[in-house]
Each structure stands twice: as structure tokens, then as C-alpha cells.
Amino acid sequence: MPPQKVEQQTPETSVITARIEDLKKLVTVIGKDSRFAAGLWVGFIKGVALGVLVSMVLAGLKIVLAGV
């Protein structure tokens, strides 16, 4: 098996490679942040919907039991 060829990078290619890797990490972080924010928003909406539903049920029971 022949020896592996070592590829040397010039300073310019090193900078470009580092910037590409940095952009990849930033895209990942942005994706995680937006996913977290979406989860918080869905939780908030579910909580509001559940609160409205429970309030309506309790108000209905109060009206029915009061015999209005």
C-alpha cells in the first residue's frame, strides 16, 4: 500500500475551511434555537387552550347547578 498523500493547506484555504465550519455550527445553533422557541410557543398555546376549556366547563357546571 503506497503511503498516504499529505495535503497541505495554504493560509487562504485554512481561513475558508474555518469559515465554512463556523457557518455549519451557526446553522446548527440557529436550528436548535428555533426548535426550542417553537416548543415554548406550542406549550403556551396548549396551556391557553386548556385553560379556556376548563373555564368553560366550570362556568357551564355552575350555570347548570344554579338552575338558571
Protein backbone atom coordinates (compact mmCIF):
# COMPACT_ATOMS: atom_id res chain seq x y z
CA MET A 1 0.00 0.00 0.00
CA PRO A 2 1.55 3.33 -1.01
CA PRO A 3 1.98 5.99 1.65
CA GLN A 4 -0.89 8.40 2.05
CA LYS A 5 -0.52 11.75 0.44
CA VAL A 6 -0.44 14.59 2.95
CA GLU A 7 -2.33 17.60 1.71
CA GLN A 8 -1.02 20.90 2.97
CA GLN A 9 -3.27 23.89 3.26
CA THR A 10 -2.31 27.40 2.44
CA PRO A 11 -3.37 30.15 4.86
CA GLU A 12 -6.14 31.16 2.47
CA THR A 13 -7.65 27.68 2.27
CA SER A 14 -7.37 27.35 6.06
CA VAL A 15 -9.38 30.54 6.54
CA ILE A 16 -12.02 29.41 4.06
CA THR A 17 -12.27 25.99 5.68
CA ALA A 18 -12.60 27.54 9.14
CA ARG A 19 -15.34 29.91 7.96
CA ILE A 20 -17.29 27.05 6.38
CA GLU A 21 -17.07 25.03 9.60
CA ASP A 22 -18.15 28.09 11.60
CA LEU A 23 -21.16 28.62 9.33
CA LYS A 24 -22.14 24.96 9.71
CA LYS A 25 -22.07 25.31 13.50
CA LEU A 26 -24.08 28.55 13.39
CA VAL A 27 -26.76 26.94 11.22
CA THR A 28 -27.00 24.10 13.73
CA VAL A 29 -27.31 26.51 16.65
CA ILE A 30 -29.97 28.55 14.86
CA GLY A 31 -31.91 25.36 14.17
CA LYS A 32 -31.75 24.33 17.82
CA ASP A 33 -32.86 27.79 18.96
CA SER A 34 -35.82 27.93 16.59
CA ARG A 35 -36.85 24.42 17.60
CA PHE A 36 -36.72 25.41 21.27
CA ALA A 37 -38.74 28.59 20.61
CA ALA A 38 -41.33 26.62 18.65
CA GLY A 39 -41.69 24.20 21.55
CA LEU A 40 -42.21 27.04 24.00
CA TRP A 41 -44.85 28.62 21.76
CA VAL A 42 -46.75 25.34 21.32
CA GLY A 43 -46.68 24.80 25.08
CA PHE A 44 -48.08 28.28 25.65
CA ILE A 45 -50.90 27.78 23.13
CA LYS A 46 -51.80 24.38 24.61
CA GLY A 47 -51.90 25.90 28.10
CA VAL A 48 -54.18 28.73 27.00
CA ALA A 49 -56.49 26.32 25.17
CA LEU A 50 -56.68 24.02 28.19
CA GLY A 51 -57.37 26.96 30.50
CA VAL A 52 -60.20 28.26 28.28
CA LEU A 53 -61.71 24.77 28.04
CA VAL A 54 -61.62 24.18 31.79
CA SER A 55 -63.08 27.64 32.44
CA MET A 56 -65.95 26.99 30.04
CA VAL A 57 -66.69 23.61 31.64
CA LEU A 58 -66.68 25.07 35.14
CA ALA A 59 -68.86 28.01 34.07
CA GLY A 60 -71.28 25.58 32.41
CA LEU A 61 -71.46 23.43 35.53
CA LYS A 62 -72.10 26.48 37.65
CA ILE A 63 -74.98 27.55 35.39
CA VAL A 64 -76.47 24.06 35.30
CA LEU A 65 -76.19 23.54 39.07
CA ALA A 66 -77.56 27.01 39.83
CA GLY A 67 -80.66 26.17 37.80
CA VAL A 68 -80.75 29.40 35.84
